[in-house]
Amino acid sequence: MRYRLTFIAGAAVGYVLGARAGRERYEALRKGAQRIAQNPVVRNTAEAAAVNGRSLAARAFDKVGNRVPASVADRVRSLREQRGGDEDEWGTSNT
């Protein structure tokens, strides 16, 4: 019961503080997040991480592919076919 009361009190305080911050603060946070997301350095880093992740996942699957359930192997094969072989290693960013 004590934890429930603590949670309710925290939710109430959060609601009041959030309501006081209002729409202006929300818009400021949203614009800041958009600015970060549109930064070319951030986008290129995220894209490089995605490419490296796909590469590591492919290598890991190649090593343990015979030990995964057939449904997983079928899904991986399907995704590889959808992606095709014409994709380069640099990703798909417009930056």
PDB file of N, CA and C in Angstrom:
ATOM      1  N   MET A   1       0.816  -1.188   0.000  1.00  0.00           N
ATOM      2  CA  MET A   1       0.000   0.000   0.000  1.00  0.00           C
ATOM      3  C   MET A   1       0.865   1.258   0.000  1.00  0.00           C
ATOM      4  N   ARG A   2       1.983   1.190   0.722  1.00  0.00           N
ATOM      5  CA  ARG A   2       2.864   2.345   0.797  1.00  0.00           C
ATOM      6  C   ARG A   2       3.416   2.696  -0.586  1.00  0.00           C
ATOM      7  N   TYR A   3       3.759   1.679  -1.369  1.00  0.00           N
ATOM      8  CA  TYR A   3       4.308   1.928  -2.694  1.00  0.00           C
ATOM      9  C   TYR A   3       3.255   2.527  -3.625  1.00  0.00           C
ATOM     10  N   ARG A   4       2.029   2.086  -3.460  1.00  0.00           N
ATOM     11  CA  ARG A   4       0.950   2.618  -4.284  1.00  0.00           C
ATOM     12  C   ARG A   4       0.728   4.102  -3.980  1.00  0.00           C
ATOM     13  N   LEU A   5       0.741   4.456  -2.698  1.00  0.00           N
ATOM     14  CA  LEU A   5       0.572   5.857  -2.313  1.00  0.00           C
ATOM     15  C   LEU A   5       1.746   6.706  -2.809  1.00  0.00           C
ATOM     16  N   THR A   6       2.952   6.156  -2.730  1.00  0.00           N
ATOM     17  CA  THR A   6       4.121   6.871  -3.230  1.00  0.00           C
ATOM     18  C   THR A   6       4.017   7.102  -4.734  1.00  0.00           C
ATOM     19  N   PHE A   7       3.555   6.081  -5.450  1.00  0.00           N
ATOM     20  CA  PHE A   7       3.391   6.224  -6.892  1.00  0.00           C
ATOM     21  C   PHE A   7       2.343   7.282  -7.226  1.00  0.00           C
ATOM     22  N   ILE A   8       1.224   7.244  -6.536  1.00  0.00           N
ATOM     23  CA  ILE A   8       0.154   8.210  -6.795  1.00  0.00           C
ATOM     24  C   ILE A   8       0.627   9.629  -6.489  1.00  0.00           C
ATOM     25  N   ALA A   9       1.358   9.785  -5.381  1.00  0.00           N
ATOM     26  CA  ALA A   9       1.882  11.109  -5.036  1.00  0.00           C
ATOM     27  C   ALA A   9       2.874  11.586  -6.095  1.00  0.00           C
ATOM     28  N   GLY A  10       3.734  10.707  -6.567  1.00  0.00           N
ATOM     29  CA  GLY A  10       4.692  11.067  -7.615  1.00  0.00           C
ATOM     30  C   GLY A  10       4.006  11.437  -8.911  1.00  0.00           C
ATOM     31  N   ALA A  11       2.974  10.676  -9.264  1.00  0.00           N
ATOM     32  CA  ALA A  11       2.229  10.985 -10.483  1.00  0.00           C
ATOM     33  C   ALA A  11       1.538  12.340 -10.364  1.00  0.00           C
ATOM     34  N   ALA A  12       1.004  12.636  -9.198  1.00  0.00           N
ATOM     35  CA  ALA A  12       0.330  13.925  -8.997  1.00  0.00           C
ATOM     36  C   ALA A  12       1.329  15.078  -9.098  1.00  0.00           C
ATOM     37  N   VAL A  13       2.480  14.932  -8.472  1.00  0.00           N
ATOM     38  CA  VAL A  13       3.508  15.979  -8.544  1.00  0.00           C
ATOM     39  C   VAL A  13       3.971  16.155  -9.988  1.00  0.00           C
ATOM     40  N   GLY A  14       4.195  15.049 -10.686  1.00  0.00           N
ATOM     41  CA  GLY A  14       4.605  15.130 -12.093  1.00  0.00           C
ATOM     42  C   GLY A  14       3.575  15.813 -12.958  1.00  0.00           C
ATOM     43  N   TYR A  15       2.312  15.535 -12.697  1.00  0.00           N
ATOM     44  CA  TYR A  15       1.242  16.160 -13.464  1.00  0.00           C
ATOM     45  C   TYR A  15       1.210  17.671 -13.224  1.00  0.00           C
ATOM     46  N   VAL A  16       1.317  18.068 -11.967  1.00  0.00           N
ATOM     47  CA  VAL A  16       1.274  19.492 -11.642  1.00  0.00           C
ATOM     48  C   VAL A  16       2.462  20.215 -12.260  1.00  0.00           C
ATOM     49  N   LEU A  17       3.663  19.642 -12.116  1.00  0.00           N
ATOM     50  CA  LEU A  17       4.840  20.288 -12.693  1.00  0.00           C
ATOM     51  C   LEU A  17       4.764  20.326 -14.214  1.00  0.00           C
ATOM     52  N   GLY A  18       4.252  19.259 -14.810  1.00  0.00           N
ATOM     53  CA  GLY A  18       4.100  19.228 -16.258  1.00  0.00           C
ATOM     54  C   GLY A  18       3.082  20.241 -16.743  1.00  0.00           C
ATOM     55  N   ALA A  19       2.011  20.397 -15.999  1.00  0.00           N
ATOM     56  CA  ALA A  19       0.986  21.365 -16.380  1.00  0.00           C
ATOM     57  C   ALA A  19       1.519  22.793 -16.263  1.00  0.00           C
ATOM     58  N   ARG A  20       2.363  23.031 -15.266  1.00  0.00           N
ATOM     59  CA  ARG A  20       2.941  24.364 -15.116  1.00  0.00           C
ATOM     60  C   ARG A  20       3.910  24.679 -16.249  1.00  0.00           C
ATOM     61  N   ALA A  21       4.654  23.666 -16.686  1.00  0.00           N
ATOM     62  CA  ALA A  21       5.605  23.900 -17.767  1.00  0.00           C
ATOM     63  C   ALA A  21       4.860  24.324 -19.025  1.00  0.00           C
ATOM     64  N   GLY A  22       3.759  23.684 -19.276  1.00  0.00           N
ATOM     65  CA  GLY A  22       2.886  24.087 -20.363  1.00  0.00           C
ATOM     66  C   GLY A  22       3.393  23.781 -21.758  1.00  0.00           C
ATOM     67  N   ARG A  23       2.667  24.306 -22.700  1.00  0.00           N
ATOM     68  CA  ARG A  23       2.901  24.052 -24.111  1.00  0.00           C
ATOM     69  C   ARG A  23       4.225  24.640 -24.591  1.00  0.00           C
ATOM     70  N   GLU A  24       4.619  25.796 -24.039  1.00  0.00           N
ATOM     71  CA  GLU A  24       5.854  26.437 -24.500  1.00  0.00           C
ATOM     72  C   GLU A  24       7.061  25.548 -24.226  1.00  0.00           C
ATOM     73  N   ARG A  25       7.100  24.970 -23.040  1.00  0.00           N
ATOM     74  CA  ARG A  25       8.229  24.102 -22.696  1.00  0.00           C
ATOM     75  C   ARG A  25       8.220  22.852 -23.556  1.00  0.00           C
ATOM     76  N   TYR A  26       7.044  22.309 -23.803  1.00  0.00           N
ATOM     77  CA  TYR A  26       6.936  21.134 -24.674  1.00  0.00           C
ATOM     78  C   TYR A  26       7.479  21.450 -26.062  1.00  0.00           C
ATOM     79  N   GLU A  27       7.099  22.582 -26.610  1.00  0.00           N
ATOM     80  CA  GLU A  27       7.561  22.970 -27.941  1.00  0.00           C
ATOM     81  C   GLU A  27       9.076  23.180 -27.953  1.00  0.00           C
ATOM     82  N   ALA A  28       9.606  23.783 -26.890  1.00  0.00           N
ATOM     83  CA  ALA A  28      11.061  23.991 -26.812  1.00  0.00           C
ATOM     84  C   ALA A  28      11.801  22.655 -26.782  1.00  0.00           C
ATOM     85  N   LEU A  29      11.293  21.698 -26.007  1.00  0.00           N
ATOM     86  CA  LEU A  29      11.921  20.375 -25.959  1.00  0.00           C
ATOM     87  C   LEU A  29      11.828  19.667 -27.305  1.00  0.00           C
ATOM     88  N   ARG A  30      10.671  19.792 -27.953  1.00  0.00           N
ATOM     89  CA  ARG A  30      10.485  19.143 -29.247  1.00  0.00           C
ATOM     90  C   ARG A  30      11.431  19.722 -30.295  1.00  0.00           C
ATOM     91  N   LYS A  31      11.578  21.050 -30.311  1.00  0.00           N
ATOM     92  CA  LYS A  31      12.484  21.683 -31.279  1.00  0.00           C
ATOM     93  C   LYS A  31      13.927  21.285 -31.011  1.00  0.00           C
ATOM     94  N   GLY A  32      14.296  21.196 -29.745  1.00  0.00           N
ATOM     95  CA  GLY A  32      15.650  20.762 -29.398  1.00  0.00           C
ATOM     96  C   GLY A  32      15.922  19.339 -29.854  1.00  0.00           C
ATOM     97  N   ALA A  33      14.943  18.457 -29.660  1.00  0.00           N
ATOM     98  CA  ALA A  33      15.099  17.072 -30.105  1.00  0.00           C
ATOM     99  C   ALA A  33      15.184  16.992 -31.624  1.00  0.00           C
ATOM    100  N   GLN A  34      14.404  17.803 -32.332  1.00  0.00           N
ATOM    101  CA  GLN A  34      14.469  17.809 -33.792  1.00  0.00           C
ATOM    102  C   GLN A  34      15.821  18.308 -34.272  1.00  0.00           C
ATOM    103  N   ARG A  35      16.348  19.347 -33.615  1.00  0.00           N
ATOM    104  CA  ARG A  35      17.643  19.883 -33.990  1.00  0.00           C
ATOM    105  C   ARG A  35      18.736  18.818 -33.844  1.00  0.00           C
ATOM    106  N   ILE A  36      18.672  18.062 -32.756  1.00  0.00           N
ATOM    107  CA  ILE A  36      19.652  17.000 -32.549  1.00  0.00           C
ATOM    108  C   ILE A  36      19.482  15.908 -33.595  1.00  0.00           C
ATOM    109  N   ALA A  37      18.244  15.499 -33.861  1.00  0.00           N
ATOM    110  CA  ALA A  37      17.989  14.419 -34.812  1.00  0.00           C
ATOM    111  C   ALA A  37      18.375  14.801 -36.234  1.00  0.00           C
ATOM    112  N   GLN A  38      18.313  16.092 -36.576  1.00  0.00           N
ATOM    113  CA  GLN A  38      18.634  16.521 -37.927  1.00  0.00           C
ATOM    114  C   GLN A  38      20.107  16.882 -38.104  1.00  0.00           C
ATOM    115  N   ASN A  39      20.873  16.824 -37.042  1.00  0.00           N
ATOM    116  CA  ASN A  39      22.295  17.115 -37.116  1.00  0.00           C
ATOM    117  C   ASN A  39      22.974  16.050 -37.980  1.00  0.00           C
ATOM    118  N   PRO A  40      23.737  16.450 -39.016  1.00  0.00           N
ATOM    119  CA  PRO A  40      24.366  15.468 -39.897  1.00  0.00           C
ATOM    120  C   PRO A  40      25.308  14.511 -39.165  1.00  0.00           C
ATOM    121  N   VAL A  41      26.006  14.984 -38.155  1.00  0.00           N
ATOM    122  CA  VAL A  41      26.923  14.112 -37.422  1.00  0.00           C
ATOM    123  C   VAL A  41      26.137  13.020 -36.697  1.00  0.00           C
ATOM    124  N   VAL A  42      25.027  13.391 -36.080  1.00  0.00           N
ATOM    125  CA  VAL A  42      24.200  12.428 -35.364  1.00  0.00           C
ATOM    126  C   VAL A  42      23.596  11.433 -36.343  1.00  0.00           C
ATOM    127  N   ARG A  43      23.095  11.919 -37.470  1.00  0.00           N
ATOM    128  CA  ARG A  43      22.486  11.034 -38.465  1.00  0.00           C
ATOM    129  C   ARG A  43      23.509  10.060 -39.035  1.00  0.00           C
ATOM    130  N   ASN A  44      24.710  10.557 -39.353  1.00  0.00           N
ATOM    131  CA  ASN A  44      25.728   9.670 -39.902  1.00  0.00           C
ATOM    132  C   ASN A  44      26.183   8.639 -38.879  1.00  0.00           C
ATOM    133  N   THR A  45      26.298   9.045 -37.621  1.00  0.00           N
ATOM    134  CA  THR A  45      26.685   8.106 -36.577  1.00  0.00           C
ATOM    135  C   THR A  45      25.621   7.033 -36.392  1.00  0.00           C
ATOM    136  N   ALA A  46      24.367   7.426 -36.374  1.00  0.00           N
ATOM    137  CA  ALA A  46      23.276   6.458 -36.231  1.00  0.00           C
ATOM    138  C   ALA A  46      23.241   5.506 -37.426  1.00  0.00           C
ATOM    139  N   GLU A  47      23.482   6.039 -38.606  1.00  0.00           N
ATOM    140  CA  GLU A  47      23.478   5.204 -39.794  1.00  0.00           C
ATOM    141  C   GLU A  47      24.640   4.215 -39.785  1.00  0.00           C
ATOM    142  N   ALA A  48      25.812   4.691 -39.368  1.00  0.00           N
ATOM    143  CA  ALA A  48      26.967   3.802 -39.270  1.00  0.00           C
ATOM    144  C   ALA A  48      26.712   2.695 -38.246  1.00  0.00           C
ATOM    145  N   ALA A  49      26.073   3.039 -37.138  1.00  0.00           N
ATOM    146  CA  ALA A  49      25.747   2.036 -36.131  1.00  0.00           C
ATOM    147  C   ALA A  49      24.767   1.010 -36.689  1.00  0.00           C
ATOM    148  N   ALA A  50      23.807   1.459 -37.480  1.00  0.00           N
ATOM    149  CA  ALA A  50      22.839   0.533 -38.079  1.00  0.00           C
ATOM    150  C   ALA A  50      23.519  -0.408 -39.063  1.00  0.00           C
ATOM    151  N   VAL A  51      24.417   0.126 -39.884  1.00  0.00           N
ATOM    152  CA  VAL A  51      25.130  -0.704 -40.852  1.00  0.00           C
ATOM    153  C   VAL A  51      25.992  -1.729 -40.125  1.00  0.00           C
ATOM    154  N   ASN A  52      26.715  -1.276 -39.101  1.00  0.00           N
ATOM    155  CA  ASN A  52      27.548  -2.200 -38.334  1.00  0.00           C
ATOM    156  C   ASN A  52      26.703  -3.246 -37.624  1.00  0.00           C
ATOM    157  N   GLY A  53      25.571  -2.839 -37.103  1.00  0.00           N
ATOM    158  CA  GLY A  53      24.674  -3.780 -36.437  1.00  0.00           C
ATOM    159  C   GLY A  53      24.160  -4.846 -37.386  1.00  0.00           C
ATOM    160  N   ARG A  54      23.768  -4.428 -38.598  1.00  0.00           N
ATOM    161  CA  ARG A  54      23.314  -5.412 -39.588  1.00  0.00           C
ATOM    162  C   ARG A  54      24.432  -6.370 -39.956  1.00  0.00           C
ATOM    163  N   SER A  55      25.639  -5.853 -40.098  1.00  0.00           N
ATOM    164  CA  SER A  55      26.782  -6.690 -40.438  1.00  0.00           C
ATOM    165  C   SER A  55      27.078  -7.706 -39.335  1.00  0.00           C
ATOM    166  N   LEU A  56      27.096  -7.238 -38.088  1.00  0.00           N
ATOM    167  CA  LEU A  56      27.350  -8.143 -36.968  1.00  0.00           C
ATOM    168  C   LEU A  56      26.242  -9.180 -36.822  1.00  0.00           C
ATOM    169  N   ALA A  57      25.000  -8.750 -37.022  1.00  0.00           N
ATOM    170  CA  ALA A  57      23.875  -9.680 -36.921  1.00  0.00           C
ATOM    171  C   ALA A  57      23.966 -10.752 -38.011  1.00  0.00           C
ATOM    172  N   ALA A  58      24.361 -10.355 -39.209  1.00  0.00           N
ATOM    173  CA  ALA A  58      24.495 -11.326 -40.301  1.00  0.00           C
ATOM    174  C   ALA A  58      25.599 -12.341 -39.994  1.00  0.00           C
ATOM    175  N   ARG A  59      26.720 -11.833 -39.477  1.00  0.00           N
ATOM    176  CA  ARG A  59      27.812 -12.757 -39.132  1.00  0.00           C
ATOM    177  C   ARG A  59      27.410 -13.692 -37.993  1.00  0.00           C
ATOM    178  N   ALA A  60      26.714 -13.166 -37.004  1.00  0.00           N
ATOM    179  CA  ALA A  60      26.280 -14.006 -35.890  1.00  0.00           C
ATOM    180  C   ALA A  60      25.297 -15.062 -36.364  1.00  0.00           C
ATOM    181  N   PHE A  61      24.371 -14.670 -37.243  1.00  0.00           N
ATOM    182  CA  PHE A  61      23.406 -15.639 -37.750  1.00  0.00           C
ATOM    183  C   PHE A  61      24.104 -16.703 -38.574  1.00  0.00           C
ATOM    184  N   ASP A  62      25.107 -16.316 -39.353  1.00  0.00           N
ATOM    185  CA  ASP A  62      25.831 -17.305 -40.145  1.00  0.00           C
ATOM    186  C   ASP A  62      26.529 -18.338 -39.255  1.00  0.00           C
ATOM    187  N   LYS A  63      26.970 -17.906 -38.073  1.00  0.00           N
ATOM    188  CA  LYS A  63      27.643 -18.833 -37.163  1.00  0.00           C
ATOM    189  C   LYS A  63      26.667 -19.765 -36.450  1.00  0.00           C
ATOM    190  N   VAL A  64      25.505 -19.267 -36.073  1.00  0.00           N
ATOM    191  CA  VAL A  64      24.565 -20.066 -35.290  1.00  0.00           C
ATOM    192  C   VAL A  64      23.277 -20.357 -36.041  1.00  0.00           C
ATOM    193  N   GLY A  65      23.269 -20.145 -37.326  1.00  0.00           N
ATOM    194  CA  GLY A  65      22.051 -20.302 -38.117  1.00  0.00           C
ATOM    195  C   GLY A  65      21.448 -21.681 -38.052  1.00  0.00           C
ATOM    196  N   ASN A  66      22.274 -22.710 -37.908  1.00  0.00           N
ATOM    197  CA  ASN A  66      21.736 -24.070 -37.866  1.00  0.00           C
ATOM    198  C   ASN A  66      21.150 -24.424 -36.501  1.00  0.00           C
ATOM    199  N   ARG A  67      21.320 -23.541 -35.499  1.00  0.00           N
ATOM    200  CA  ARG A  67      20.813 -23.822 -34.154  1.00  0.00           C
ATOM    201  C   ARG A  67      19.583 -22.996 -33.786  1.00  0.00           C
ATOM    202  N   VAL A  68      19.092 -22.187 -34.703  1.00  0.00           N
ATOM    203  CA  VAL A  68      17.904 -21.385 -34.405  1.00  0.00           C
ATOM    204  C   VAL A  68      16.668 -22.110 -34.922  1.00  0.00           C
ATOM    205  N   PRO A  69      15.512 -21.809 -34.371  1.00  0.00           N
ATOM    206  CA  PRO A  69      14.274 -22.452 -34.857  1.00  0.00           C
ATOM    207  C   PRO A  69      14.039 -22.157 -36.337  1.00  0.00           C
ATOM    208  N   ALA A  70      13.363 -23.050 -36.981  1.00  0.00           N
ATOM    209  CA  ALA A  70      13.112 -22.917 -38.420  1.00  0.00           C
ATOM    210  C   ALA A  70      12.342 -21.632 -38.731  1.00  0.00           C
ATOM    211  N   SER A  71      11.428 -21.230 -37.857  1.00  0.00           N
ATOM    212  CA  SER A  71      10.649 -20.018 -38.116  1.00  0.00           C
ATOM    213  C   SER A  71      11.551 -18.785 -38.136  1.00  0.00           C
ATOM    214  N   VAL A  72      12.553 -18.751 -37.272  1.00  0.00           N
ATOM    215  CA  VAL A  72      13.491 -17.629 -37.240  1.00  0.00           C
ATOM    216  C   VAL A  72      14.352 -17.649 -38.499  1.00  0.00           C
ATOM    217  N   ALA A  73      14.837 -18.809 -38.868  1.00  0.00           N
ATOM    218  CA  ALA A  73      15.666 -18.921 -40.066  1.00  0.00           C
ATOM    219  C   ALA A  73      14.882 -18.504 -41.311  1.00  0.00           C
ATOM    220  N   ASP A  74      13.618 -18.894 -41.372  1.00  0.00           N
ATOM    221  CA  ASP A  74      12.784 -18.497 -42.516  1.00  0.00           C
ATOM    222  C   ASP A  74      12.592 -16.988 -42.559  1.00  0.00           C
ATOM    223  N   ARG A  75      12.395 -16.375 -41.394  1.00  0.00           N
ATOM    224  CA  ARG A  75      12.200 -14.919 -41.343  1.00  0.00           C
ATOM    225  C   ARG A  75      13.468 -14.191 -41.768  1.00  0.00           C
ATOM    226  N   VAL A  76      14.628 -14.647 -41.320  1.00  0.00           N
ATOM    227  CA  VAL A  76      15.893 -14.026 -41.707  1.00  0.00           C
ATOM    228  C   VAL A  76      16.100 -14.156 -43.206  1.00  0.00           C
ATOM    229  N   ARG A  77      15.819 -15.322 -43.748  1.00  0.00           N
ATOM    230  CA  ARG A  77      15.960 -15.526 -45.186  1.00  0.00           C
ATOM    231  C   ARG A  77      15.030 -14.591 -45.951  1.00  0.00           C
ATOM    232  N   SER A  78      13.808 -14.431 -45.462  1.00  0.00           N
ATOM    233  CA  SER A  78      12.837 -13.542 -46.095  1.00  0.00           C
ATOM    234  C   SER A  78      13.322 -12.090 -46.071  1.00  0.00           C
ATOM    235  N   LEU A  79      13.850 -11.663 -44.946  1.00  0.00           N
ATOM    236  CA  LEU A  79      14.344 -10.285 -44.840  1.00  0.00           C
ATOM    237  C   LEU A  79      15.539 -10.051 -45.747  1.00  0.00           C
ATOM    238  N   ARG A  80      16.415 -11.046 -45.857  1.00  0.00           N
ATOM    239  CA  ARG A  80      17.569 -10.904 -46.757  1.00  0.00           C
ATOM    240  C   ARG A  80      17.127 -10.793 -48.207  1.00  0.00           C
ATOM    241  N   GLU A  81      16.100 -11.549 -48.580  1.00  0.00           N
ATOM    242  CA  GLU A  81      15.596 -11.478 -49.947  1.00  0.00           C
ATOM    243  C   GLU A  81      14.946 -10.125 -50.223  1.00  0.00           C
ATOM    244  N   GLN A  82      14.223  -9.592 -49.249  1.00  0.00           N
ATOM    245  CA  GLN A  82      13.587  -8.286 -49.423  1.00  0.00           C
ATOM    246  C   GLN A  82      14.622  -7.192 -49.589  1.00  0.00           C
ATOM    247  N   ARG A  83      15.697  -7.264 -48.842  1.00  0.00           N
ATOM    248  CA  ARG A  83      16.723  -6.228 -48.888  1.00  0.00           C
ATOM    249  C   ARG A  83      17.462  -6.260 -50.216  1.00  0.00           C
ATOM    250  N   GLY A  84      17.647  -7.421 -50.765  1.00  0.00           N
ATOM    251  CA  GLY A  84      18.286  -7.539 -52.064  1.00  0.00           C
ATOM    252  C   GLY A  84      19.785  -7.341 -51.984  1.00  0.00           C
ATOM    253  N   GLY A  85      20.455  -7.570 -53.088  1.00  0.00           N
ATOM    254  CA  GLY A  85      21.904  -7.474 -53.130  1.00  0.00           C
ATOM    255  C   GLY A  85      22.410  -6.175 -53.708  1.00  0.00           C
ATOM    256  N   ASP A  86      21.521  -5.256 -54.126  1.00  0.00           N
ATOM    257  CA  ASP A  86      21.959  -4.025 -54.772  1.00  0.00           C
ATOM    258  C   ASP A  86      22.226  -2.901 -53.778  1.00  0.00           C
ATOM    259  N   GLU A  87      22.084  -3.160 -52.481  1.00  0.00           N
ATOM    260  CA  GLU A  87      22.294  -2.124 -51.487  1.00  0.00           C
ATOM    261  C   GLU A  87      23.784  -1.997 -51.177  1.00  0.00           C
ATOM    262  N   ASP A  88      24.269  -0.761 -51.178  1.00  0.00           N
ATOM    263  CA  ASP A  88      25.683  -0.578 -50.880  1.00  0.00           C
ATOM    264  C   ASP A  88      25.909  -0.570 -49.376  1.00  0.00           C
ATOM    265  N   GLU A  89      27.183  -0.472 -48.963  1.00  0.00           N
ATOM    266  CA  GLU A  89      27.515  -0.519 -47.545  1.00  0.00           C
ATOM    267  C   GLU A  89      27.339   0.806 -46.853  1.00  0.00           C
ATOM    268  N   TRP A  90      26.981   1.851 -47.557  1.00  0.00           N
ATOM    269  CA  TRP A  90      26.945   3.187 -46.974  1.00  0.00           C
ATOM    270  C   TRP A  90      25.580   3.566 -46.461  1.00  0.00           C
ATOM    271  N   GLY A  91      24.612   2.716 -46.531  1.00  0.00           N
ATOM    272  CA  GLY A  91      23.297   3.030 -45.990  1.00  0.00           C
ATOM    273  C   GLY A  91      22.447   3.764 -46.996  1.00  0.00           C
ATOM    274  N   THR A  92      21.405   4.431 -46.497  1.00  0.00           N
ATOM    275  CA  THR A  92      20.442   5.053 -47.400  1.00  0.00           C
ATOM    276  C   THR A  92      20.183   6.506 -47.077  1.00  0.00           C
ATOM    277  N   SER A  93      21.056   7.162 -46.328  1.00  0.00           N
ATOM    278  CA  SER A  93      20.804   8.522 -45.892  1.00  0.00           C
ATOM    279  C   SER A  93      20.923   9.507 -47.044  1.00  0.00           C
ATOM    280  N   ASN A  94      20.213  10.623 -46.931  1.00  0.00           N
ATOM    281  CA  ASN A  94      20.291  11.688 -47.918  1.00  0.00           C
ATOM    282  C   ASN A  94      21.318  12.730 -47.560  1.00  0.00           C
ATOM    283  N   THR A  95      22.017  12.543 -46.443  1.00  0.00           N
ATOM    284  CA  THR A  95      22.967  13.563 -46.001  1.00  0.00           C
ATOM    285  C   THR A  95      24.273  13.444 -46.723  1.00  0.00           C
TER     286      THR A  95
END
